[in-house]
PDB file of N, CA and C in Angstrom:
ATOM      1  N   MET A   1     -23.765 129.427 -17.053  1.00  0.00           N
ATOM      2  CA  MET A   1     -24.449 129.610 -16.056  1.00  0.00           C
ATOM      3  C   MET A   1     -24.019 130.569 -14.835  1.00  0.00           C
ATOM      4  N   SER A   2     -24.463 131.530 -14.314  1.00  0.00           N
ATOM      5  CA  SER A   2     -24.146 132.397 -13.279  1.00  0.00           C
ATOM      6  C   SER A   2     -24.231 131.935 -11.820  1.00  0.00           C
ATOM      7  N   ALA A   3     -23.437 132.413 -11.258  1.00  0.00           N
ATOM      8  CA  ALA A   3     -23.156 131.986  -9.917  1.00  0.00           C
ATOM      9  C   ALA A   3     -24.088 132.578  -8.981  1.00  0.00           C
ATOM     10  N   TYR A   4     -24.604 133.789  -9.307  1.00  0.00           N
ATOM     11  CA  TYR A   4     -25.530 134.111  -8.426  1.00  0.00           C
ATOM     12  C   TYR A   4     -27.050 134.067  -8.803  1.00  0.00           C
ATOM     13  N   LYS A   5     -28.209 133.799  -7.705  1.00  0.00           N
ATOM     14  CA  LYS A   5     -29.404 133.581  -8.165  1.00  0.00           C
ATOM     15  C   LYS A   5     -30.162 134.921  -8.982  1.00  0.00           C
ATOM     16  N   ASP A   6     -30.779 134.638 -10.134  1.00  0.00           N
ATOM     17  CA  ASP A   6     -31.306 135.852 -10.884  1.00  0.00           C
ATOM     18  C   ASP A   6     -30.209 136.866 -11.122  1.00  0.00           C
ATOM     19  N   GLY A   7     -29.104 136.382 -11.399  1.00  0.00           N
ATOM     20  CA  GLY A   7     -28.025 137.169 -12.230  1.00  0.00           C
ATOM     21  C   GLY A   7     -27.812 138.633 -11.102  1.00  0.00           C
ATOM     22  N   LYS A   8     -28.164 138.669  -9.773  1.00  0.00           N
ATOM     23  CA  LYS A   8     -27.932 139.657  -8.876  1.00  0.00           C
ATOM     24  C   LYS A   8     -26.768 138.901  -7.478  1.00  0.00           C
ATOM     25  N   PRO A   9     -26.192 139.527  -7.427  1.00  0.00           N
ATOM     26  CA  PRO A   9     -24.847 139.258  -6.345  1.00  0.00           C
ATOM     27  C   PRO A   9     -25.839 139.416  -5.083  1.00  0.00           C
ATOM     28  N   THR A  10     -25.264 138.021  -4.213  1.00  0.00           N
ATOM     29  CA  THR A  10     -26.026 137.958  -2.937  1.00  0.00           C
ATOM     30  C   THR A  10     -25.148 138.960  -2.103  1.00  0.00           C
ATOM     31  N   GLU A  11     -25.869 138.874  -0.460  1.00  0.00           N
ATOM     32  CA  GLU A  11     -25.212 139.436   0.701  1.00  0.00           C
ATOM     33  C   GLU A  11     -23.728 139.019   0.659  1.00  0.00           C
ATOM     34  N   GLU A  12     -23.639 137.654   0.676  1.00  0.00           N
ATOM     35  CA  GLU A  12     -22.524 136.979   1.254  1.00  0.00           C
ATOM     36  C   GLU A  12     -20.973 137.623  -0.175  1.00  0.00           C
ATOM     37  N   ASP A  13     -21.486 137.973  -1.011  1.00  0.00           N
ATOM     38  CA  ASP A  13     -20.623 138.396  -2.158  1.00  0.00           C
ATOM     39  C   ASP A  13     -20.445 139.751  -2.523  1.00  0.00           C
ATOM     40  N   ALA A  14     -21.170 140.449  -1.713  1.00  0.00           N
ATOM     41  CA  ALA A  14     -21.061 141.997  -1.528  1.00  0.00           C
ATOM     42  C   ALA A  14     -19.405 142.488  -1.381  1.00  0.00           C
ATOM     43  N   LYS A  15     -19.080 143.468  -2.341  1.00  0.00           N
ATOM     44  CA  LYS A  15     -17.621 144.020  -1.912  1.00  0.00           C
ATOM     45  C   LYS A  15     -17.440 144.547  -0.493  1.00  0.00           C
ATOM     46  N   ILE A  16     -16.590 144.082   0.375  1.00  0.00           N
ATOM     47  CA  ILE A  16     -16.212 144.979   1.422  1.00  0.00           C
ATOM     48  C   ILE A  16     -15.138 145.969   1.367  1.00  0.00           C
ATOM     49  N   LEU A  17     -15.825 147.319   1.810  1.00  0.00           N
ATOM     50  CA  LEU A  17     -14.845 148.357   1.565  1.00  0.00           C
ATOM     51  C   LEU A  17     -14.276 148.895   3.175  1.00  0.00           C
ATOM     52  N   ARG A  18     -12.968 149.447   2.772  1.00  0.00           N
ATOM     53  CA  ARG A  18     -12.201 150.133   4.016  1.00  0.00           C
ATOM     54  C   ARG A  18     -12.283 151.047   3.706  1.00  0.00           C
ATOM     55  N   ILE A  19     -12.747 152.141   4.963  1.00  0.00           N
ATOM     56  CA  ILE A  19     -12.709 153.198   4.947  1.00  0.00           C
ATOM     57  C   ILE A  19     -11.808 153.964   6.164  1.00  0.00           C
ATOM     58  N   ARG A  20     -10.896 154.851   5.700  1.00  0.00           N
ATOM     59  CA  ARG A  20     -10.374 155.341   6.999  1.00  0.00           C
ATOM     60  C   ARG A  20     -10.460 156.899   7.006  1.00  0.00           C
ATOM     61  N   ILE A  21     -10.951 157.070   8.292  1.00  0.00           N
ATOM     62  CA  ILE A  21     -11.016 158.543   8.377  1.00  0.00           C
ATOM     63  C   ILE A  21     -10.051 159.111   9.171  1.00  0.00           C
ATOM     64  N   THR A  22      -9.397 159.989   8.882  1.00  0.00           N
ATOM     65  CA  THR A  22      -8.667 160.721   9.791  1.00  0.00           C
ATOM     66  C   THR A  22      -8.770 162.362  10.140  1.00  0.00           C
ATOM     67  N   LEU A  23      -8.955 162.624  11.648  1.00  0.00           N
ATOM     68  CA  LEU A  23      -9.292 163.700  11.948  1.00  0.00           C
ATOM     69  C   LEU A  23      -7.973 164.499  12.740  1.00  0.00           C
ATOM     70  N   THR A  24      -7.871 165.349  12.302  1.00  0.00           N
ATOM     71  CA  THR A  24      -6.922 166.118  13.050  1.00  0.00           C
ATOM     72  C   THR A  24      -7.302 168.003  13.734  1.00  0.00           C
ATOM     73  N   SER A  25      -6.949 167.972  14.659  1.00  0.00           N
ATOM     74  CA  SER A  25      -7.387 169.168  15.525  1.00  0.00           C
ATOM     75  C   SER A  25      -6.261 169.875  16.578  1.00  0.00           C
ATOM     76  N   CYS A  26      -6.684 170.943  16.797  1.00  0.00           N
ATOM     77  CA  CYS A  26      -5.806 171.719  17.682  1.00  0.00           C
ATOM     78  C   CYS A  26      -6.387 171.712  19.126  1.00  0.00           C
ATOM     79  N   ASN A  27      -7.511 171.468  19.129  1.00  0.00           N
ATOM     80  CA  ASN A  27      -8.383 171.209  20.461  1.00  0.00           C
ATOM     81  C   ASN A  27      -8.904 170.158  20.618  1.00  0.00           C
ATOM     82  N   LEU A  28      -8.341 169.331  21.806  1.00  0.00           N
ATOM     83  CA  LEU A  28      -8.427 167.990  21.952  1.00  0.00           C
ATOM     84  C   LEU A  28      -9.911 167.618  22.510  1.00  0.00           C
ATOM     85  N   LYS A  29     -10.725 168.354  22.847  1.00  0.00           N
ATOM     86  CA  LYS A  29     -11.461 167.879  23.692  1.00  0.00           C
ATOM     87  C   LYS A  29     -13.039 167.850  22.304  1.00  0.00           C
ATOM     88  N   SER A  30     -12.890 168.714  21.511  1.00  0.00           N
ATOM     89  CA  SER A  30     -13.674 168.693  20.112  1.00  0.00           C
ATOM     90  C   SER A  30     -13.374 167.518  19.622  1.00  0.00           C
ATOM     91  N   LEU A  31     -11.969 167.334  19.234  1.00  0.00           N
ATOM     92  CA  LEU A  31     -11.569 166.119  18.455  1.00  0.00           C
ATOM     93  C   LEU A  31     -11.807 164.756  19.297  1.00  0.00           C
ATOM     94  N   GLU A  32     -12.055 164.565  20.414  1.00  0.00           N
ATOM     95  CA  GLU A  32     -12.684 163.722  21.323  1.00  0.00           C
ATOM     96  C   GLU A  32     -14.226 163.586  20.978  1.00  0.00           C
ATOM     97  N   LYS A  33     -15.000 164.584  21.069  1.00  0.00           N
ATOM     98  CA  LYS A  33     -16.210 164.591  20.690  1.00  0.00           C
ATOM     99  C   LYS A  33     -16.856 163.881  19.514  1.00  0.00           C
ATOM    100  N   VAL A  34     -16.034 164.749  18.397  1.00  0.00           N
ATOM    101  CA  VAL A  34     -16.118 164.240  16.974  1.00  0.00           C
ATOM    102  C   VAL A  34     -16.091 162.641  16.767  1.00  0.00           C
ATOM    103  N   CYS A  35     -14.782 162.174  17.565  1.00  0.00           N
ATOM    104  CA  CYS A  35     -14.796 160.824  17.295  1.00  0.00           C
ATOM    105  C   CYS A  35     -15.729 159.931  18.174  1.00  0.00           C
ATOM    106  N   ALA A  36     -16.043 160.198  19.200  1.00  0.00           N
ATOM    107  CA  ALA A  36     -17.184 159.466  19.956  1.00  0.00           C
ATOM    108  C   ALA A  36     -18.453 159.384  19.136  1.00  0.00           C
ATOM    109  N   ASP A  37     -18.918 160.805  18.210  1.00  0.00           N
ATOM    110  CA  ASP A  37     -20.087 160.766  17.491  1.00  0.00           C
ATOM    111  C   ASP A  37     -19.993 159.812  16.285  1.00  0.00           C
ATOM    112  N   LEU A  38     -18.973 159.855  15.755  1.00  0.00           N
ATOM    113  CA  LEU A  38     -18.658 159.218  14.421  1.00  0.00           C
ATOM    114  C   LEU A  38     -18.494 157.503  14.878  1.00  0.00           C
ATOM    115  N   ILE A  39     -18.199 157.291  15.945  1.00  0.00           N
ATOM    116  CA  ILE A  39     -18.338 155.824  16.423  1.00  0.00           C
ATOM    117  C   ILE A  39     -19.431 155.397  16.955  1.00  0.00           C
ATOM    118  N   LYS A  40     -20.239 156.208  17.390  1.00  0.00           N
ATOM    119  CA  LYS A  40     -21.720 156.228  17.992  1.00  0.00           C
ATOM    120  C   LYS A  40     -22.514 156.053  16.894  1.00  0.00           C
ATOM    121  N   GLY A  41     -22.403 156.965  15.769  1.00  0.00           N
ATOM    122  CA  GLY A  41     -23.384 156.856  14.714  1.00  0.00           C
ATOM    123  C   GLY A  41     -23.168 155.438  13.597  1.00  0.00           C
ATOM    124  N   ALA A  42     -21.810 155.382  13.674  1.00  0.00           N
ATOM    125  CA  ALA A  42     -21.524 153.915  12.756  1.00  0.00           C
ATOM    126  C   ALA A  42     -22.003 152.767  13.378  1.00  0.00           C
ATOM    127  N   LYS A  43     -21.946 152.460  14.912  1.00  0.00           N
ATOM    128  CA  LYS A  43     -22.590 151.497  15.544  1.00  0.00           C
ATOM    129  C   LYS A  43     -24.041 151.192  15.687  1.00  0.00           C
ATOM    130  N   ASN A  44     -24.759 152.452  15.540  1.00  0.00           N
ATOM    131  CA  ASN A  44     -26.202 152.599  15.340  1.00  0.00           C
ATOM    132  C   ASN A  44     -26.424 152.073  14.084  1.00  0.00           C
ATOM    133  N   GLU A  45     -25.762 152.109  13.120  1.00  0.00           N
ATOM    134  CA  GLU A  45     -26.135 151.890  11.686  1.00  0.00           C
ATOM    135  C   GLU A  45     -25.510 150.218  11.444  1.00  0.00           C
ATOM    136  N   ASN A  46     -25.480 149.545  12.657  1.00  0.00           N
ATOM    137  CA  ASN A  46     -24.955 147.892  12.503  1.00  0.00           C
ATOM    138  C   ASN A  46     -23.714 147.807  11.683  1.00  0.00           C
ATOM    139  N   GLN A  47     -22.854 148.674  11.631  1.00  0.00           N
ATOM    140  CA  GLN A  47     -21.846 148.386  10.732  1.00  0.00           C
ATOM    141  C   GLN A  47     -20.806 147.299  11.548  1.00  0.00           C
ATOM    142  N   PRO A  48     -20.500 146.228  10.666  1.00  0.00           N
ATOM    143  CA  PRO A  48     -19.736 144.831  11.351  1.00  0.00           C
ATOM    144  C   PRO A  48     -18.364 145.326  12.000  1.00  0.00           C
ATOM    145  N   LYS A  49     -17.611 146.241  11.621  1.00  0.00           N
ATOM    146  CA  LYS A  49     -16.277 146.450  11.999  1.00  0.00           C
ATOM    147  C   LYS A  49     -16.038 148.007  12.174  1.00  0.00           C
ATOM    148  N   VAL A  50     -16.049 148.259  13.593  1.00  0.00           N
ATOM    149  CA  VAL A  50     -15.359 149.708  13.924  1.00  0.00           C
ATOM    150  C   VAL A  50     -14.046 149.532  14.478  1.00  0.00           C
ATOM    151  N   LYS A  51     -13.024 150.013  14.001  1.00  0.00           N
ATOM    152  CA  LYS A  51     -11.841 150.090  14.730  1.00  0.00           C
ATOM    153  C   LYS A  51     -11.203 151.667  15.256  1.00  0.00           C
ATOM    154  N   GLY A  52     -11.237 151.895  16.298  1.00  0.00           N
ATOM    155  CA  GLY A  52     -10.458 153.195  16.774  1.00  0.00           C
ATOM    156  C   GLY A  52     -11.539 153.889  17.597  1.00  0.00           C
ATOM    157  N   PRO A  53     -11.239 155.380  18.037  1.00  0.00           N
ATOM    158  CA  PRO A  53     -10.146 155.940  17.489  1.00  0.00           C
ATOM    159  C   PRO A  53      -8.507 155.333  17.842  1.00  0.00           C
ATOM    160  N   VAL A  54      -7.597 155.434  16.675  1.00  0.00           N
ATOM    161  CA  VAL A  54      -6.135 155.258  17.258  1.00  0.00           C
ATOM    162  C   VAL A  54      -5.789 156.378  17.459  1.00  0.00           C
ATOM    163  N   ARG A  55      -5.066 156.634  18.484  1.00  0.00           N
ATOM    164  CA  ARG A  55      -4.335 157.988  18.715  1.00  0.00           C
ATOM    165  C   ARG A  55      -3.252 157.902  18.024  1.00  0.00           C
ATOM    166  N   MET A  56      -2.732 159.046  17.239  1.00  0.00           N
ATOM    167  CA  MET A  56      -1.468 158.837  16.754  1.00  0.00           C
ATOM    168  C   MET A  56      -0.560 159.861  17.499  1.00  0.00           C
ATOM    169  N   PRO A  57       0.687 159.965  17.513  1.00  0.00           N
ATOM    170  CA  PRO A  57       1.422 160.759  18.116  1.00  0.00           C
ATOM    171  C   PRO A  57       1.363 162.219  17.681  1.00  0.00           C
ATOM    172  N   THR A  58       1.233 163.129  18.833  1.00  0.00           N
ATOM    173  CA  THR A  58       0.970 164.448  18.764  1.00  0.00           C
ATOM    174  C   THR A  58       1.960 165.285  18.246  1.00  0.00           C
ATOM    175  N   LYS A  59       1.813 166.186  17.206  1.00  0.00           N
ATOM    176  CA  LYS A  59       2.884 166.963  16.898  1.00  0.00           C
ATOM    177  C   LYS A  59       3.090 168.159  17.425  1.00  0.00           C
ATOM    178  N   THR A  60       4.085 168.817  17.777  1.00  0.00           N
ATOM    179  CA  THR A  60       4.378 169.922  18.575  1.00  0.00           C
ATOM    180  C   THR A  60       5.224 170.933  17.705  1.00  0.00           C
ATOM    181  N   LEU A  61       4.593 172.036  17.696  1.00  0.00           N
ATOM    182  CA  LEU A  61       5.143 173.157  16.635  1.00  0.00           C
ATOM    183  C   LEU A  61       5.907 173.859  17.528  1.00  0.00           C
ATOM    184  N   ARG A  62       7.017 174.446  17.500  1.00  0.00           N
ATOM    185  CA  ARG A  62       7.616 175.322  18.598  1.00  0.00           C
ATOM    186  C   ARG A  62       8.238 176.570  18.066  1.00  0.00           C
ATOM    187  N   ILE A  63       7.837 177.709  18.456  1.00  0.00           N
ATOM    188  CA  ILE A  63       8.541 179.238  17.825  1.00  0.00           C
ATOM    189  C   ILE A  63       9.383 179.571  18.975  1.00  0.00           C
ATOM    190  N   THR A  64      10.479 179.860  18.999  1.00  0.00           N
ATOM    191  CA  THR A  64      11.287 180.801  20.108  1.00  0.00           C
ATOM    192  C   THR A  64      11.301 182.244  19.453  1.00  0.00           C
ATOM    193  N   THR A  65      11.234 183.449  20.067  1.00  0.00           N
ATOM    194  CA  THR A  65      11.532 184.729  19.401  1.00  0.00           C
ATOM    195  C   THR A  65      11.918 185.664  20.544  1.00  0.00           C
ATOM    196  N   ARG A  66      12.591 186.559  19.983  1.00  0.00           N
ATOM    197  CA  ARG A  66      12.861 187.550  20.911  1.00  0.00           C
ATOM    198  C   ARG A  66      11.495 188.530  21.525  1.00  0.00           C
ATOM    199  N   LYS A  67      11.853 188.838  22.640  1.00  0.00           N
ATOM    200  CA  LYS A  67      10.695 189.823  23.310  1.00  0.00           C
ATOM    201  C   LYS A  67      10.828 191.348  22.330  1.00  0.00           C
ATOM    202  N   THR A  68      12.111 191.733  22.150  1.00  0.00           N
ATOM    203  CA  THR A  68      12.276 193.054  22.153  1.00  0.00           C
ATOM    204  C   THR A  68      12.055 192.925  20.327  1.00  0.00           C
ATOM    205  N   PRO A  69      11.437 194.187  19.615  1.00  0.00           N
ATOM    206  CA  PRO A  69      11.728 194.142  18.054  1.00  0.00           C
ATOM    207  C   PRO A  69      12.914 194.725  17.657  1.00  0.00           C
ATOM    208  N   CYS A  70      13.539 195.669  18.403  1.00  0.00           N
ATOM    209  CA  CYS A  70      14.681 196.374  18.061  1.00  0.00           C
ATOM    210  C   CYS A  70      16.016 195.585  18.549  1.00  0.00           C
ATOM    211  N   GLY A  71      16.125 194.766  19.252  1.00  0.00           N
ATOM    212  CA  GLY A  71      17.189 194.091  19.654  1.00  0.00           C
ATOM    213  C   GLY A  71      17.966 194.816  21.048  1.00  0.00           C
ATOM    214  N   GLU A  72      17.403 195.768  21.373  1.00  0.00           N
ATOM    215  CA  GLU A  72      17.963 196.397  22.522  1.00  0.00           C
ATOM    216  C   GLU A  72      17.336 195.810  23.804  1.00  0.00           C
ATOM    217  N   GLY A  73      18.178 196.194  25.040  1.00  0.00           N
ATOM    218  CA  GLY A  73      17.282 195.669  26.183  1.00  0.00           C
ATOM    219  C   GLY A  73      18.076 194.366  26.709  1.00  0.00           C
ATOM    220  N   SER A  74      17.776 193.921  27.630  1.00  0.00           N
ATOM    221  CA  SER A  74      17.984 192.570  27.704  1.00  0.00           C
ATOM    222  C   SER A  74      17.611 191.517  26.837  1.00  0.00           C
ATOM    223  N   LYS A  75      18.069 190.472  26.997  1.00  0.00           N
ATOM    224  CA  LYS A  75      17.733 189.249  25.745  1.00  0.00           C
ATOM    225  C   LYS A  75      17.141 188.466  26.506  1.00  0.00           C
ATOM    226  N   THR A  76      15.482 188.955  26.312  1.00  0.00           N
ATOM    227  CA  THR A  76      14.469 187.684  26.820  1.00  0.00           C
ATOM    228  C   THR A  76      13.908 187.275  25.711  1.00  0.00           C
ATOM    229  N   TRP A  77      13.419 186.105  25.911  1.00  0.00           N
ATOM    230  CA  TRP A  77      12.817 185.548  24.903  1.00  0.00           C
ATOM    231  C   TRP A  77      11.398 184.754  25.012  1.00  0.00           C
ATOM    232  N   ASP A  78      10.592 184.484  24.012  1.00  0.00           N
ATOM    233  CA  ASP A  78       9.034 184.263  24.245  1.00  0.00           C
ATOM    234  C   ASP A  78       9.127 182.640  23.530  1.00  0.00           C
ATOM    235  N   LYS A  79       8.354 181.812  24.194  1.00  0.00           N
ATOM    236  CA  LYS A  79       8.376 180.509  23.752  1.00  0.00           C
ATOM    237  C   LYS A  79       6.824 180.216  23.287  1.00  0.00           C
ATOM    238  N   PHE A  80       6.718 179.568  22.065  1.00  0.00           N
ATOM    239  CA  PHE A  80       5.290 179.458  21.600  1.00  0.00           C
ATOM    240  C   PHE A  80       4.901 178.080  21.114  1.00  0.00           C
ATOM    241  N   GLN A  81       4.141 177.250  21.509  1.00  0.00           N
ATOM    242  CA  GLN A  81       4.034 176.087  20.620  1.00  0.00           C
ATOM    243  C   GLN A  81       2.620 176.026  20.457  1.00  0.00           C
ATOM    244  N   LEU A  82       2.515 175.018  19.405  1.00  0.00           N
ATOM    245  CA  LEU A  82       1.157 174.837  18.986  1.00  0.00           C
ATOM    246  C   LEU A  82       1.054 172.940  18.880  1.00  0.00           C
ATOM    247  N   ARG A  83       0.121 172.633  19.390  1.00  0.00           N
ATOM    248  CA  ARG A  83      -0.191 171.087  19.495  1.00  0.00           C
ATOM    249  C   ARG A  83      -0.936 170.421  18.796  1.00  0.00           C
ATOM    250  N   ILE A  84      -0.815 169.512  17.913  1.00  0.00           N
ATOM    251  CA  ILE A  84      -1.852 169.135  16.764  1.00  0.00           C
ATOM    252  C   ILE A  84      -1.989 167.739  17.042  1.00  0.00           C
ATOM    253  N   HIS A  85      -3.266 167.330  17.298  1.00  0.00           N
ATOM    254  CA  HIS A  85      -3.805 166.119  17.719  1.00  0.00           C
ATOM    255  C   HIS A  85      -4.290 165.284  16.829  1.00  0.00           C
ATOM    256  N   LYS A  86      -4.127 163.964  16.354  1.00  0.00           N
ATOM    257  CA  LYS A  86      -4.703 163.305  15.237  1.00  0.00           C
ATOM    258  C   LYS A  86      -5.317 162.192  15.723  1.00  0.00           C
ATOM    259  N   ARG A  87      -6.277 161.682  14.984  1.00  0.00           N
ATOM    260  CA  ARG A  87      -6.863 160.338  15.148  1.00  0.00           C
ATOM    261  C   ARG A  87      -7.221 159.771  14.210  1.00  0.00           C
ATOM    262  N   VAL A  88      -7.505 158.311  13.984  1.00  0.00           N
ATOM    263  CA  VAL A  88      -7.738 157.783  12.721  1.00  0.00           C
ATOM    264  C   VAL A  88      -8.751 156.645  13.463  1.00  0.00           C
ATOM    265  N   ILE A  89      -9.677 156.533  12.418  1.00  0.00           N
ATOM    266  CA  ILE A  89     -10.674 155.443  13.068  1.00  0.00           C
ATOM    267  C   ILE A  89     -10.942 154.825  11.252  1.00  0.00           C
ATOM    268  N   ASP A  90     -11.099 153.337  11.498  1.00  0.00           N
ATOM    269  CA  ASP A  90     -11.231 152.456  10.296  1.00  0.00           C
ATOM    270  C   ASP A  90     -12.563 151.802  10.289  1.00  0.00           C
ATOM    271  N   LEU A  91     -13.061 152.017   9.416  1.00  0.00           N
ATOM    272  CA  LEU A  91     -14.345 151.348   9.016  1.00  0.00           C
ATOM    273  C   LEU A  91     -14.547 150.151   8.038  1.00  0.00           C
ATOM    274  N   GLN A  92     -15.295 148.789   8.175  1.00  0.00           N
ATOM    275  CA  GLN A  92     -15.264 148.304   7.083  1.00  0.00           C
ATOM    276  C   GLN A  92     -16.655 147.869   7.291  1.00  0.00           C
ATOM    277  N   ASP A  93     -17.288 147.868   5.890  1.00  0.00           N
ATOM    278  CA  ASP A  93     -18.748 147.498   5.543  1.00  0.00           C
ATOM    279  C   ASP A  93     -18.734 147.204   3.895  1.00  0.00           C
ATOM    280  N   SER A  94     -20.092 146.912   3.850  1.00  0.00           N
ATOM    281  CA  SER A  94     -20.060 146.164   2.534  1.00  0.00           C
ATOM    282  C   SER A  94     -20.510 147.607   1.631  1.00  0.00           C
ATOM    283  N   SER A  95     -20.618 147.604   0.346  1.00  0.00           N
ATOM    284  CA  SER A  95     -20.700 148.646  -0.976  1.00  0.00           C
ATOM    285  C   SER A  95     -22.081 149.040  -0.250  1.00  0.00           C
ATOM    286  N   ASP A  96     -23.008 148.402  -0.361  1.00  0.00           N
ATOM    287  CA  ASP A  96     -24.418 148.682  -0.319  1.00  0.00           C
ATOM    288  C   ASP A  96     -24.451 149.353   0.983  1.00  0.00           C
ATOM    289  N   ASP A  97     -24.110 149.475   1.902  1.00  0.00           N
ATOM    290  CA  ASP A  97     -24.318 149.700   3.403  1.00  0.00           C
ATOM    291  C   ASP A  97     -23.583 151.347   3.352  1.00  0.00           C
ATOM    292  N   VAL A  98     -22.583 151.645   2.423  1.00  0.00           N
ATOM    293  CA  VAL A  98     -21.585 152.776   2.678  1.00  0.00           C
ATOM    294  C   VAL A  98     -22.612 154.047   2.561  1.00  0.00           C
ATOM    295  N   GLY A  99     -23.357 153.891   1.295  1.00  0.00           N
ATOM    296  CA  GLY A  99     -24.300 155.088   1.412  1.00  0.00           C
ATOM    297  C   GLY A  99     -25.248 155.619   2.284  1.00  0.00           C
ATOM    298  N   LYS A 100     -25.267 154.764   3.231  1.00  0.00           N
ATOM    299  CA  LYS A 100     -26.197 155.200   4.300  1.00  0.00           C
ATOM    300  C   LYS A 100     -25.628 156.130   5.298  1.00  0.00           C
TER     301      LYS A 100
END
């Protein structure tokens, strides 16, 4: 005997899927805008649980190089850095609603 009515799973027994979206960018404004759009869209679809955006530590890539290519002249240095921002959004929903 089946535990389901008519052999089909009910809404309570639908499998819950966990989706993790990781966003990375060098431009902070665009990253925050995309995060806000994703969360706004998920809440419009009546998703039960949306966690985030969780701000992960910013990676800073630094390069120090000499200004003169030949090595002559005064010893002056240029310092460059690239910041990489990261956000994580977690979504939990049933397998039926994920396709939407």
